[in-house]
């Protein structure tokens, strides 16, 4: 069962669902809570000869990723990040989310931004029970316009579903919880698998 706006507010007020900084009650509508874009981005370097062979050793993947990723960059709060058509970057939410073990979250892009060609996640829109951290966004400009993304803007919405019970292996329980307590933009850690 998906939580409605009134239930989202109750879960937050009872501290069953923890979001910091605390959201304004105006950002909770219908069945979602709006979340904002931070000023942190990670950009892939342009490379036409870098190949990540996912069957190779973990050291090979780690080397190629480190060589072909830039450092995390920060944009001043009064500036915008320019996302050109067909560009892909990683970004971060302002909000940090702590999910209880009986709740799952879903990240969705805003329709108004999607109509301009902005995708905010490629495939990873699930927020697992037991998750704690800021959410990394996989931003892709599929449109024809250059998009100026401003820190603090509403970038996405979260919705929540109650599980049929408490998860026996929540995200923070797994041996491979690679991104738990994420505060910065961590690039792919697939080489740890």
N, C-alpha and C. Protein backbone atom coordinates (compact mmCIF):
# COMPACT_ATOMS: atom_id res chain seq x y z
N UNK A 1 0.85 -1.18 0.00
CA UNK A 1 0.00 0.00 0.00
C UNK A 1 0.89 1.24 0.00
N UNK A 2 0.65 2.14 -0.93
CA UNK A 2 1.43 3.37 -1.03
C UNK A 2 0.89 4.39 -0.04
N UNK A 3 1.80 5.10 0.64
CA UNK A 3 1.38 6.09 1.63
C UNK A 3 0.83 7.34 0.94
N UNK A 4 -0.25 7.87 1.48
CA UNK A 4 -0.79 9.15 1.00
C UNK A 4 -0.07 10.28 1.75
N UNK A 5 -0.32 11.51 1.35
CA UNK A 5 0.35 12.66 1.96
C UNK A 5 0.17 12.71 3.48
N UNK A 6 -1.03 12.42 3.97
CA UNK A 6 -1.28 12.46 5.42
C UNK A 6 -0.46 11.41 6.15
N UNK A 7 -0.34 10.22 5.54
CA UNK A 7 0.45 9.17 6.18
C UNK A 7 1.94 9.47 6.12
N UNK A 8 2.42 10.06 5.03
CA UNK A 8 3.83 10.46 4.95
C UNK A 8 4.14 11.43 6.09
N UNK A 9 3.26 12.42 6.30
CA UNK A 9 3.45 13.38 7.39
C UNK A 9 3.49 12.68 8.74
N UNK A 10 2.58 11.71 8.95
CA UNK A 10 2.56 10.97 10.23
C UNK A 10 3.85 10.19 10.46
N UNK A 11 4.34 9.51 9.41
CA UNK A 11 5.57 8.73 9.53
C UNK A 11 6.74 9.64 9.87
N UNK A 12 6.77 10.83 9.27
CA UNK A 12 7.84 11.79 9.55
C UNK A 12 7.73 12.34 10.97
N UNK A 13 6.53 12.73 11.37
CA UNK A 13 6.33 13.28 12.71
C UNK A 13 6.63 12.27 13.80
N UNK A 14 6.33 10.99 13.54
CA UNK A 14 6.61 9.93 14.52
C UNK A 14 8.06 9.43 14.43
N UNK A 15 8.83 10.02 13.51
CA UNK A 15 10.24 9.67 13.29
C UNK A 15 10.43 8.22 12.88
N UNK A 16 9.43 7.66 12.20
CA UNK A 16 9.57 6.33 11.60
C UNK A 16 10.32 6.46 10.27
N UNK A 17 10.08 7.54 9.57
CA UNK A 17 10.76 7.90 8.33
C UNK A 17 11.49 9.20 8.63
N UNK A 18 12.82 9.18 8.48
CA UNK A 18 13.61 10.36 8.85
C UNK A 18 14.19 11.00 7.60
N UNK A 19 13.87 12.28 7.42
CA UNK A 19 14.38 13.05 6.28
C UNK A 19 15.02 14.30 6.86
N UNK A 20 16.32 14.50 6.53
CA UNK A 20 17.02 15.70 7.01
C UNK A 20 17.67 16.41 5.83
N UNK A 21 17.57 17.72 5.77
CA UNK A 21 16.80 18.56 6.68
C UNK A 21 15.31 18.24 6.58
N UNK A 22 14.60 18.51 7.66
CA UNK A 22 13.17 18.21 7.70
C UNK A 22 12.45 18.93 6.57
N UNK A 23 11.62 18.20 5.85
CA UNK A 23 10.91 18.83 4.72
C UNK A 23 9.80 19.77 5.20
N UNK A 24 9.53 20.75 4.37
CA UNK A 24 8.37 21.60 4.68
C UNK A 24 7.12 20.78 4.37
N UNK A 25 6.09 20.98 5.12
CA UNK A 25 4.86 20.23 4.89
C UNK A 25 4.25 20.57 3.53
N UNK A 26 4.61 21.71 2.95
CA UNK A 26 4.13 22.09 1.62
C UNK A 26 4.73 21.20 0.53
N UNK A 27 5.88 20.59 0.82
CA UNK A 27 6.53 19.75 -0.19
C UNK A 27 5.94 18.34 -0.23
N UNK A 28 4.99 18.06 0.67
CA UNK A 28 4.32 16.76 0.71
C UNK A 28 2.93 16.93 0.12
N UNK A 29 2.71 16.27 -1.04
CA UNK A 29 1.43 16.44 -1.73
C UNK A 29 0.97 15.12 -2.32
N UNK A 30 -0.31 14.88 -2.26
CA UNK A 30 -0.89 13.69 -2.88
C UNK A 30 -0.33 12.42 -2.27
N UNK A 31 0.70 11.87 -2.91
CA UNK A 31 1.34 10.64 -2.43
C UNK A 31 2.85 10.74 -2.54
N UNK A 32 3.38 11.97 -2.60
CA UNK A 32 4.83 12.15 -2.76
C UNK A 32 5.36 13.27 -1.89
N UNK A 33 6.68 13.28 -1.78
CA UNK A 33 7.38 14.38 -1.14
C UNK A 33 8.44 14.86 -2.13
N UNK A 34 8.45 16.15 -2.40
CA UNK A 34 9.42 16.72 -3.33
C UNK A 34 10.78 16.82 -2.67
N UNK A 35 11.82 16.49 -3.43
CA UNK A 35 13.20 16.61 -2.93
C UNK A 35 13.99 17.51 -3.86
N UNK A 36 15.09 18.06 -3.30
CA UNK A 36 15.83 19.12 -3.99
C UNK A 36 17.22 18.68 -4.45
N UNK A 37 17.70 19.37 -5.45
CA UNK A 37 19.02 19.16 -6.02
C UNK A 37 20.07 19.86 -5.17
N UNK A 38 21.14 19.15 -4.83
CA UNK A 38 22.23 19.78 -4.08
C UNK A 38 23.16 20.52 -5.05
N UNK A 39 24.26 21.00 -4.54
CA UNK A 39 25.23 21.70 -5.38
C UNK A 39 26.41 20.80 -5.74
N UNK A 40 26.25 19.49 -5.57
CA UNK A 40 27.33 18.54 -5.86
C UNK A 40 27.02 17.76 -7.13
N UNK A 41 28.04 17.67 -8.01
CA UNK A 41 27.91 16.94 -9.27
C UNK A 41 29.19 16.15 -9.52
N UNK A 42 29.08 15.07 -10.28
CA UNK A 42 30.25 14.30 -10.72
C UNK A 42 30.10 14.09 -12.22
N UNK A 43 31.14 14.49 -12.94
CA UNK A 43 31.09 14.49 -14.40
C UNK A 43 32.01 13.41 -14.96
N UNK A 44 31.53 12.68 -15.97
CA UNK A 44 32.37 11.72 -16.68
C UNK A 44 33.22 12.48 -17.69
N UNK A 45 34.48 12.13 -17.77
CA UNK A 45 35.34 12.70 -18.80
C UNK A 45 34.93 12.11 -20.14
N UNK A 46 35.08 12.88 -21.19
CA UNK A 46 34.79 12.39 -22.54
C UNK A 46 35.91 11.45 -22.96
N UNK A 47 35.58 10.22 -23.27
CA UNK A 47 36.58 9.26 -23.69
C UNK A 47 35.97 8.33 -24.72
N UNK A 48 36.61 8.23 -25.85
CA UNK A 48 36.10 7.36 -26.91
C UNK A 48 36.79 6.00 -26.93
N UNK A 49 37.83 5.84 -26.11
CA UNK A 49 38.53 4.56 -26.12
C UNK A 49 38.51 3.84 -24.77
N UNK A 50 37.83 4.39 -23.79
CA UNK A 50 37.74 3.71 -22.49
C UNK A 50 36.67 2.63 -22.56
N UNK A 51 37.08 1.43 -22.22
CA UNK A 51 36.15 0.30 -22.23
C UNK A 51 36.12 -0.29 -20.84
N UNK A 52 34.92 -0.44 -20.30
CA UNK A 52 34.75 -1.10 -19.01
C UNK A 52 34.22 -2.49 -19.30
N UNK A 53 35.10 -3.46 -19.22
CA UNK A 53 34.73 -4.85 -19.46
C UNK A 53 34.27 -5.43 -18.14
N UNK A 54 32.98 -5.63 -18.00
CA UNK A 54 32.41 -6.07 -16.72
C UNK A 54 32.77 -7.51 -16.38
N UNK A 55 33.39 -8.25 -17.32
CA UNK A 55 33.83 -9.61 -17.02
C UNK A 55 35.27 -9.65 -16.53
N UNK A 56 35.97 -8.52 -16.64
CA UNK A 56 37.38 -8.46 -16.24
C UNK A 56 37.50 -8.38 -14.72
N UNK A 57 38.72 -8.37 -14.28
CA UNK A 57 38.99 -8.32 -12.84
C UNK A 57 38.50 -7.01 -12.24
N UNK A 58 38.25 -7.05 -10.96
CA UNK A 58 37.77 -5.85 -10.27
C UNK A 58 38.79 -4.73 -10.34
N UNK A 59 40.08 -5.05 -10.34
CA UNK A 59 41.11 -4.01 -10.43
C UNK A 59 41.04 -3.27 -11.76
N UNK A 60 40.77 -4.00 -12.84
CA UNK A 60 40.66 -3.38 -14.16
C UNK A 60 39.51 -2.40 -14.19
N UNK A 61 38.37 -2.80 -13.67
CA UNK A 61 37.18 -1.94 -13.66
C UNK A 61 37.46 -0.71 -12.80
N UNK A 62 38.03 -0.91 -11.62
CA UNK A 62 38.33 0.20 -10.73
C UNK A 62 39.29 1.19 -11.39
N UNK A 63 40.30 0.68 -12.07
CA UNK A 63 41.28 1.54 -12.75
C UNK A 63 40.62 2.38 -13.84
N UNK A 64 39.82 1.74 -14.68
CA UNK A 64 39.16 2.46 -15.78
C UNK A 64 38.20 3.50 -15.23
N UNK A 65 37.45 3.16 -14.20
CA UNK A 65 36.52 4.12 -13.61
C UNK A 65 37.25 5.33 -13.03
N UNK A 66 38.30 5.08 -12.27
CA UNK A 66 39.03 6.21 -11.66
C UNK A 66 39.69 7.08 -12.71
N UNK A 67 40.22 6.46 -13.76
CA UNK A 67 40.92 7.21 -14.81
C UNK A 67 39.94 8.06 -15.62
N UNK A 68 38.69 7.62 -15.73
CA UNK A 68 37.74 8.27 -16.62
C UNK A 68 36.64 9.05 -15.91
N UNK A 69 36.76 9.22 -14.62
CA UNK A 69 35.79 10.02 -13.86
C UNK A 69 36.49 11.26 -13.36
N UNK A 70 35.76 12.35 -13.29
CA UNK A 70 36.36 13.55 -12.69
C UNK A 70 36.11 13.52 -11.19
N UNK A 71 36.70 14.47 -10.52
CA UNK A 71 36.39 14.62 -9.10
C UNK A 71 35.00 15.22 -8.96
N UNK A 72 34.46 15.06 -7.79
CA UNK A 72 33.18 15.69 -7.49
C UNK A 72 33.37 17.20 -7.55
N UNK A 73 32.44 17.90 -8.18
CA UNK A 73 32.52 19.35 -8.26
C UNK A 73 31.38 19.98 -7.49
N UNK A 74 31.58 21.22 -7.09
CA UNK A 74 30.58 21.95 -6.32
C UNK A 74 30.22 23.22 -7.08
N UNK A 75 28.94 23.52 -7.15
CA UNK A 75 28.45 24.72 -7.80
C UNK A 75 27.99 25.68 -6.71
N UNK A 76 28.35 26.94 -6.83
CA UNK A 76 27.86 27.94 -5.88
C UNK A 76 26.34 27.96 -5.91
N UNK A 77 25.73 28.20 -4.76
CA UNK A 77 24.27 28.16 -4.68
C UNK A 77 23.58 29.20 -5.55
N UNK A 78 24.29 30.24 -5.96
CA UNK A 78 23.67 31.25 -6.82
C UNK A 78 24.01 31.03 -8.30
N UNK A 79 24.66 29.91 -8.61
CA UNK A 79 25.02 29.56 -9.99
C UNK A 79 24.19 28.38 -10.45
N UNK A 80 24.32 28.03 -11.72
CA UNK A 80 23.62 26.87 -12.27
C UNK A 80 24.62 25.90 -12.88
N UNK A 81 24.27 24.64 -12.88
CA UNK A 81 25.04 23.62 -13.57
C UNK A 81 24.44 23.47 -14.96
N UNK A 82 25.26 23.53 -15.99
CA UNK A 82 24.79 23.45 -17.36
C UNK A 82 24.87 22.00 -17.83
N UNK A 83 23.72 21.46 -18.22
CA UNK A 83 23.63 20.09 -18.73
C UNK A 83 23.24 20.14 -20.20
N UNK A 84 24.20 19.83 -21.05
CA UNK A 84 23.98 19.90 -22.50
C UNK A 84 23.22 18.67 -22.99
N UNK A 85 22.58 18.77 -24.16
CA UNK A 85 21.90 17.60 -24.73
C UNK A 85 22.84 16.41 -24.84
N UNK A 86 22.35 15.26 -24.48
CA UNK A 86 23.05 13.97 -24.52
C UNK A 86 24.15 13.84 -23.48
N UNK A 87 24.24 14.75 -22.53
CA UNK A 87 25.22 14.65 -21.45
C UNK A 87 24.63 13.88 -20.27
N UNK A 88 25.51 13.16 -19.59
CA UNK A 88 25.14 12.36 -18.42
C UNK A 88 26.05 12.76 -17.26
N UNK A 89 25.46 13.05 -16.11
CA UNK A 89 26.22 13.38 -14.90
C UNK A 89 25.54 12.74 -13.70
N UNK A 90 26.30 12.62 -12.64
CA UNK A 90 25.72 12.19 -11.37
C UNK A 90 25.53 13.43 -10.52
N UNK A 91 24.46 13.47 -9.76
CA UNK A 91 24.19 14.59 -8.86
C UNK A 91 23.69 14.01 -7.54
N UNK A 92 23.44 14.88 -6.59
CA UNK A 92 23.07 14.44 -5.25
C UNK A 92 21.88 15.26 -4.76
N UNK A 93 21.07 14.65 -3.92
CA UNK A 93 19.97 15.37 -3.29
C UNK A 93 20.47 16.12 -2.06
N UNK A 94 19.76 17.17 -1.71
CA UNK A 94 20.04 17.87 -0.45
C UNK A 94 19.61 16.98 0.72
N UNK A 95 18.47 16.35 0.56
CA UNK A 95 17.88 15.57 1.64
C UNK A 95 18.60 14.23 1.85
N UNK A 96 18.75 13.88 3.11
CA UNK A 96 19.25 12.57 3.50
C UNK A 96 18.05 11.78 3.99
N UNK A 97 17.94 10.54 3.56
CA UNK A 97 16.78 9.71 3.87
C UNK A 97 17.21 8.51 4.72
N UNK A 98 16.47 8.27 5.80
CA UNK A 98 16.65 7.03 6.56
C UNK A 98 15.35 6.24 6.45
N UNK A 99 15.45 5.07 5.82
CA UNK A 99 14.27 4.22 5.61
C UNK A 99 14.17 3.16 6.70
N UNK A 100 12.99 3.02 7.30
CA UNK A 100 12.80 1.93 8.24
C UNK A 100 12.79 0.60 7.49
N UNK A 101 12.84 -0.50 8.21
CA UNK A 101 12.95 -1.81 7.56
C UNK A 101 11.63 -2.38 7.06
N UNK A 102 10.55 -1.64 7.23
CA UNK A 102 9.25 -2.10 6.72
C UNK A 102 8.68 -1.15 5.67
N UNK A 103 9.56 -0.33 5.07
CA UNK A 103 9.12 0.65 4.08
C UNK A 103 10.09 0.66 2.90
N UNK A 104 9.56 0.80 1.71
CA UNK A 104 10.39 0.93 0.50
C UNK A 104 10.03 2.25 -0.17
N UNK A 105 11.01 2.91 -0.74
CA UNK A 105 10.77 4.20 -1.39
C UNK A 105 10.99 4.11 -2.89
N UNK A 106 10.34 5.02 -3.61
CA UNK A 106 10.47 5.10 -5.07
C UNK A 106 10.77 6.54 -5.46
N UNK A 107 11.77 6.70 -6.29
CA UNK A 107 12.20 8.00 -6.78
C UNK A 107 11.64 8.21 -8.18
N UNK A 108 10.97 9.32 -8.39
CA UNK A 108 10.41 9.63 -9.71
C UNK A 108 10.80 11.05 -10.11
N UNK A 109 11.03 11.22 -11.39
CA UNK A 109 11.31 12.55 -11.92
C UNK A 109 10.04 13.38 -11.97
N UNK A 110 10.23 14.67 -12.09
CA UNK A 110 9.09 15.58 -12.23
C UNK A 110 8.65 15.63 -13.69
N UNK A 111 7.37 15.57 -13.92
CA UNK A 111 6.82 15.58 -15.26
C UNK A 111 7.23 16.83 -16.03
N UNK A 112 7.22 17.97 -15.38
CA UNK A 112 7.58 19.23 -16.07
C UNK A 112 9.03 19.20 -16.56
N UNK A 113 9.92 18.56 -15.81
CA UNK A 113 11.32 18.45 -16.23
C UNK A 113 11.48 17.38 -17.30
N UNK A 114 10.74 16.28 -17.17
CA UNK A 114 10.80 15.22 -18.18
C UNK A 114 10.34 15.73 -19.54
N UNK A 115 9.39 16.65 -19.56
CA UNK A 115 8.89 17.20 -20.82
C UNK A 115 9.92 18.08 -21.52
N UNK A 116 11.00 18.41 -20.78
CA UNK A 116 12.13 19.14 -21.38
C UNK A 116 13.27 18.19 -21.75
N UNK A 117 13.09 16.90 -21.44
CA UNK A 117 14.09 15.89 -21.78
C UNK A 117 14.97 15.46 -20.62
N UNK A 118 14.72 15.95 -19.40
CA UNK A 118 15.58 15.61 -18.27
C UNK A 118 15.13 14.31 -17.62
N UNK A 119 16.05 13.35 -17.63
CA UNK A 119 15.83 12.09 -16.91
C UNK A 119 16.62 12.19 -15.61
N UNK A 120 16.03 11.82 -14.49
CA UNK A 120 16.74 11.96 -13.22
C UNK A 120 17.26 10.63 -12.66
N UNK A 121 16.85 9.53 -13.25
CA UNK A 121 17.44 8.24 -12.90
C UNK A 121 17.40 7.34 -14.12
N UNK A 122 18.45 6.57 -14.28
CA UNK A 122 18.52 5.66 -15.43
C UNK A 122 17.70 4.40 -15.14
N UNK A 123 17.99 3.73 -14.04
CA UNK A 123 17.21 2.55 -13.65
C UNK A 123 17.05 2.42 -12.15
N UNK A 124 17.88 3.10 -11.40
CA UNK A 124 17.91 2.85 -9.95
C UNK A 124 17.00 3.81 -9.19
N UNK A 125 15.72 3.53 -9.24
CA UNK A 125 14.78 4.43 -8.57
C UNK A 125 14.21 3.84 -7.28
N UNK A 126 14.69 2.67 -6.89
CA UNK A 126 14.22 2.04 -5.65
C UNK A 126 15.10 2.48 -4.49
N UNK A 127 14.48 2.79 -3.35
CA UNK A 127 15.20 3.10 -2.12
C UNK A 127 14.84 1.99 -1.15
N UNK A 128 15.81 1.15 -0.88
CA UNK A 128 15.59 -0.08 -0.13
C UNK A 128 15.27 0.16 1.34
N UNK A 129 14.54 -0.79 1.96
CA UNK A 129 14.35 -0.75 3.40
C UNK A 129 15.73 -0.76 4.07
N UNK A 130 15.92 0.03 5.11
CA UNK A 130 17.20 0.09 5.80
C UNK A 130 18.21 1.04 5.17
N UNK A 131 17.82 1.71 4.09
CA UNK A 131 18.72 2.67 3.43
C UNK A 131 18.94 3.88 4.33
N UNK A 132 20.14 4.44 4.28
CA UNK A 132 20.44 5.69 4.97
C UNK A 132 21.44 6.45 4.11
N UNK A 133 21.10 7.65 3.72
CA UNK A 133 22.03 8.47 2.95
C UNK A 133 21.32 9.42 2.02
N UNK A 134 22.13 10.20 1.33
CA UNK A 134 21.60 11.08 0.28
C UNK A 134 21.44 10.24 -0.98
N UNK A 135 20.57 10.66 -1.85
CA UNK A 135 20.28 9.89 -3.05
C UNK A 135 21.10 10.45 -4.22
N UNK A 136 21.81 9.54 -4.89
CA UNK A 136 22.53 9.94 -6.10
C UNK A 136 21.55 9.89 -7.26
N UNK A 137 21.53 10.97 -8.02
CA UNK A 137 20.68 11.08 -9.20
C UNK A 137 21.52 10.84 -10.45
N UNK A 138 20.99 10.11 -11.39
CA UNK A 138 21.68 9.86 -12.66
C UNK A 138 21.01 10.74 -13.71
N UNK A 139 21.52 11.94 -13.88
CA UNK A 139 20.88 12.93 -14.74
C UNK A 139 21.34 12.77 -16.19
N UNK A 140 20.37 12.71 -17.09
CA UNK A 140 20.66 12.63 -18.53
C UNK A 140 19.75 13.60 -19.26
N UNK A 141 20.35 14.40 -20.11
CA UNK A 141 19.57 15.34 -20.92
C UNK A 141 19.27 14.68 -22.25
N UNK A 142 18.07 14.13 -22.38
CA UNK A 142 17.63 13.46 -23.61
C UNK A 142 16.99 14.45 -24.58
N UNK A 143 16.88 15.70 -24.18
CA UNK A 143 16.22 16.70 -25.02
C UNK A 143 17.17 17.44 -25.94
N UNK A 144 16.66 18.48 -26.53
CA UNK A 144 17.43 19.29 -27.49
C UNK A 144 17.88 20.61 -26.92
N UNK A 145 17.48 20.92 -25.68
CA UNK A 145 17.82 22.20 -25.08
C UNK A 145 18.92 22.03 -24.04
N UNK A 146 19.75 23.05 -23.90
CA UNK A 146 20.70 23.09 -22.79
C UNK A 146 19.89 23.42 -21.54
N UNK A 147 20.08 22.65 -20.47
CA UNK A 147 19.32 22.85 -19.24
C UNK A 147 20.23 23.41 -18.16
N UNK A 148 19.80 24.47 -17.51
CA UNK A 148 20.51 25.07 -16.38
C UNK A 148 19.85 24.57 -15.10
N UNK A 149 20.59 23.76 -14.34
CA UNK A 149 20.07 23.15 -13.11
C UNK A 149 20.61 23.94 -11.92
N UNK A 150 19.71 24.44 -11.10
CA UNK A 150 20.09 25.31 -9.99
C UNK A 150 19.99 24.56 -8.67
N UNK A 151 21.07 24.58 -7.87
CA UNK A 151 20.99 23.96 -6.55
C UNK A 151 19.79 24.49 -5.75
N UNK A 152 19.11 23.58 -5.08
CA UNK A 152 17.93 23.94 -4.30
C UNK A 152 16.63 23.75 -5.04
N UNK A 153 16.69 23.55 -6.37
CA UNK A 153 15.45 23.38 -7.14
C UNK A 153 14.84 22.00 -6.83
N UNK A 154 13.52 21.92 -6.91
CA UNK A 154 12.87 20.62 -6.76
C UNK A 154 13.17 19.81 -8.01
N UNK A 155 13.80 18.66 -7.81
CA UNK A 155 14.31 17.85 -8.92
C UNK A 155 13.54 16.54 -9.08
N UNK A 156 12.96 16.03 -7.99
CA UNK A 156 12.31 14.72 -8.03
C UNK A 156 11.29 14.61 -6.91
N UNK A 157 10.60 13.48 -6.89
CA UNK A 157 9.62 13.21 -5.83
C UNK A 157 9.81 11.78 -5.33
N UNK A 158 9.58 11.60 -4.05
CA UNK A 158 9.65 10.27 -3.43
C UNK A 158 8.26 9.82 -3.04
N UNK A 159 7.99 8.55 -3.26
CA UNK A 159 6.78 7.93 -2.72
C UNK A 159 7.21 6.71 -1.92
N UNK A 160 6.32 6.20 -1.08
CA UNK A 160 6.68 5.15 -0.13
C UNK A 160 5.59 4.09 -0.09
N UNK A 161 6.03 2.84 0.05
CA UNK A 161 5.10 1.72 0.19
C UNK A 161 5.44 0.92 1.43
N UNK A 162 4.41 0.52 2.15
CA UNK A 162 4.59 -0.33 3.32
C UNK A 162 4.79 -1.76 2.82
N UNK A 163 5.79 -2.44 3.35
CA UNK A 163 6.02 -3.83 3.00
C UNK A 163 5.06 -4.73 3.76
N UNK A 164 4.94 -5.96 3.34
CA UNK A 164 4.04 -6.91 4.01
C UNK A 164 4.55 -7.29 5.39
N UNK A 165 5.80 -6.98 5.68
CA UNK A 165 6.40 -7.25 6.98
C UNK A 165 7.72 -6.51 7.08
N UNK A 166 8.46 -6.80 8.13
CA UNK A 166 9.78 -6.18 8.31
C UNK A 166 10.79 -6.98 7.50
N UNK A 167 11.62 -6.29 6.74
CA UNK A 167 12.65 -6.95 5.93
C UNK A 167 13.66 -7.64 6.83
N UNK A 168 13.95 -8.91 6.55
CA UNK A 168 14.95 -9.63 7.36
C UNK A 168 16.37 -9.30 6.91
N UNK A 169 16.52 -8.77 5.69
CA UNK A 169 17.83 -8.38 5.19
C UNK A 169 17.75 -6.99 4.56
N UNK A 170 17.56 -5.95 5.38
CA UNK A 170 17.48 -4.60 4.83
C UNK A 170 18.83 -4.18 4.26
N UNK A 171 18.85 -3.05 3.58
CA UNK A 171 20.06 -2.59 2.90
C UNK A 171 21.26 -2.52 3.83
N UNK A 172 21.08 -2.01 5.02
CA UNK A 172 22.20 -1.86 5.95
C UNK A 172 22.65 -3.19 6.56
N UNK A 173 21.93 -4.26 6.30
CA UNK A 173 22.28 -5.59 6.80
C UNK A 173 23.21 -6.32 5.84
N UNK A 174 23.08 -6.00 4.56
CA UNK A 174 23.82 -6.71 3.51
C UNK A 174 25.33 -6.53 3.68
N UNK A 175 26.07 -7.58 3.34
CA UNK A 175 27.53 -7.49 3.33
C UNK A 175 28.01 -6.53 2.25
N UNK A 176 27.21 -6.39 1.21
CA UNK A 176 27.63 -5.54 0.09
C UNK A 176 26.86 -4.22 0.08
N UNK A 177 26.65 -3.60 1.20
CA UNK A 177 25.96 -2.31 1.27
C UNK A 177 26.95 -1.22 0.88
N UNK A 178 27.26 -1.16 -0.40
CA UNK A 178 28.34 -0.31 -0.89
C UNK A 178 28.10 1.19 -0.68
N UNK A 179 26.85 1.60 -0.68
CA UNK A 179 26.55 3.03 -0.68
C UNK A 179 25.86 3.49 0.60
N UNK A 180 25.88 2.67 1.63
CA UNK A 180 25.21 3.01 2.89
C UNK A 180 25.86 4.24 3.52
N UNK A 181 25.05 5.12 4.08
CA UNK A 181 25.48 6.38 4.70
C UNK A 181 26.14 7.34 3.70
N UNK A 182 25.74 7.25 2.47
CA UNK A 182 26.29 8.07 1.40
C UNK A 182 26.02 9.55 1.64
N UNK A 183 27.07 10.34 1.68
CA UNK A 183 26.97 11.79 1.88
C UNK A 183 27.50 12.55 0.67
N UNK A 184 28.27 11.86 -0.18
CA UNK A 184 28.82 12.47 -1.37
C UNK A 184 28.49 11.58 -2.56
N UNK A 185 28.89 12.00 -3.73
CA UNK A 185 28.57 11.23 -4.93
C UNK A 185 29.64 10.17 -5.12
N UNK A 186 29.26 8.95 -4.87
CA UNK A 186 30.16 7.82 -5.05
C UNK A 186 29.89 7.25 -6.43
N UNK A 187 30.93 7.15 -7.24
CA UNK A 187 30.73 6.56 -8.57
C UNK A 187 30.53 5.06 -8.41
N UNK A 188 30.31 4.37 -9.50
CA UNK A 188 30.01 2.95 -9.47
C UNK A 188 31.05 2.15 -8.70
N UNK A 189 30.58 1.32 -7.81
CA UNK A 189 31.46 0.41 -7.06
C UNK A 189 31.22 -1.03 -7.50
N UNK A 190 30.88 -1.20 -8.77
CA UNK A 190 30.59 -2.55 -9.28
C UNK A 190 31.78 -3.47 -9.11
N UNK A 191 32.97 -2.92 -9.09
CA UNK A 191 34.18 -3.76 -8.94
C UNK A 191 34.25 -4.42 -7.56
N UNK A 192 33.42 -4.02 -6.62
CA UNK A 192 33.42 -4.65 -5.29
C UNK A 192 32.54 -5.89 -5.26
N UNK A 193 31.86 -6.18 -6.35
CA UNK A 193 30.98 -7.36 -6.36
C UNK A 193 31.75 -8.63 -6.63
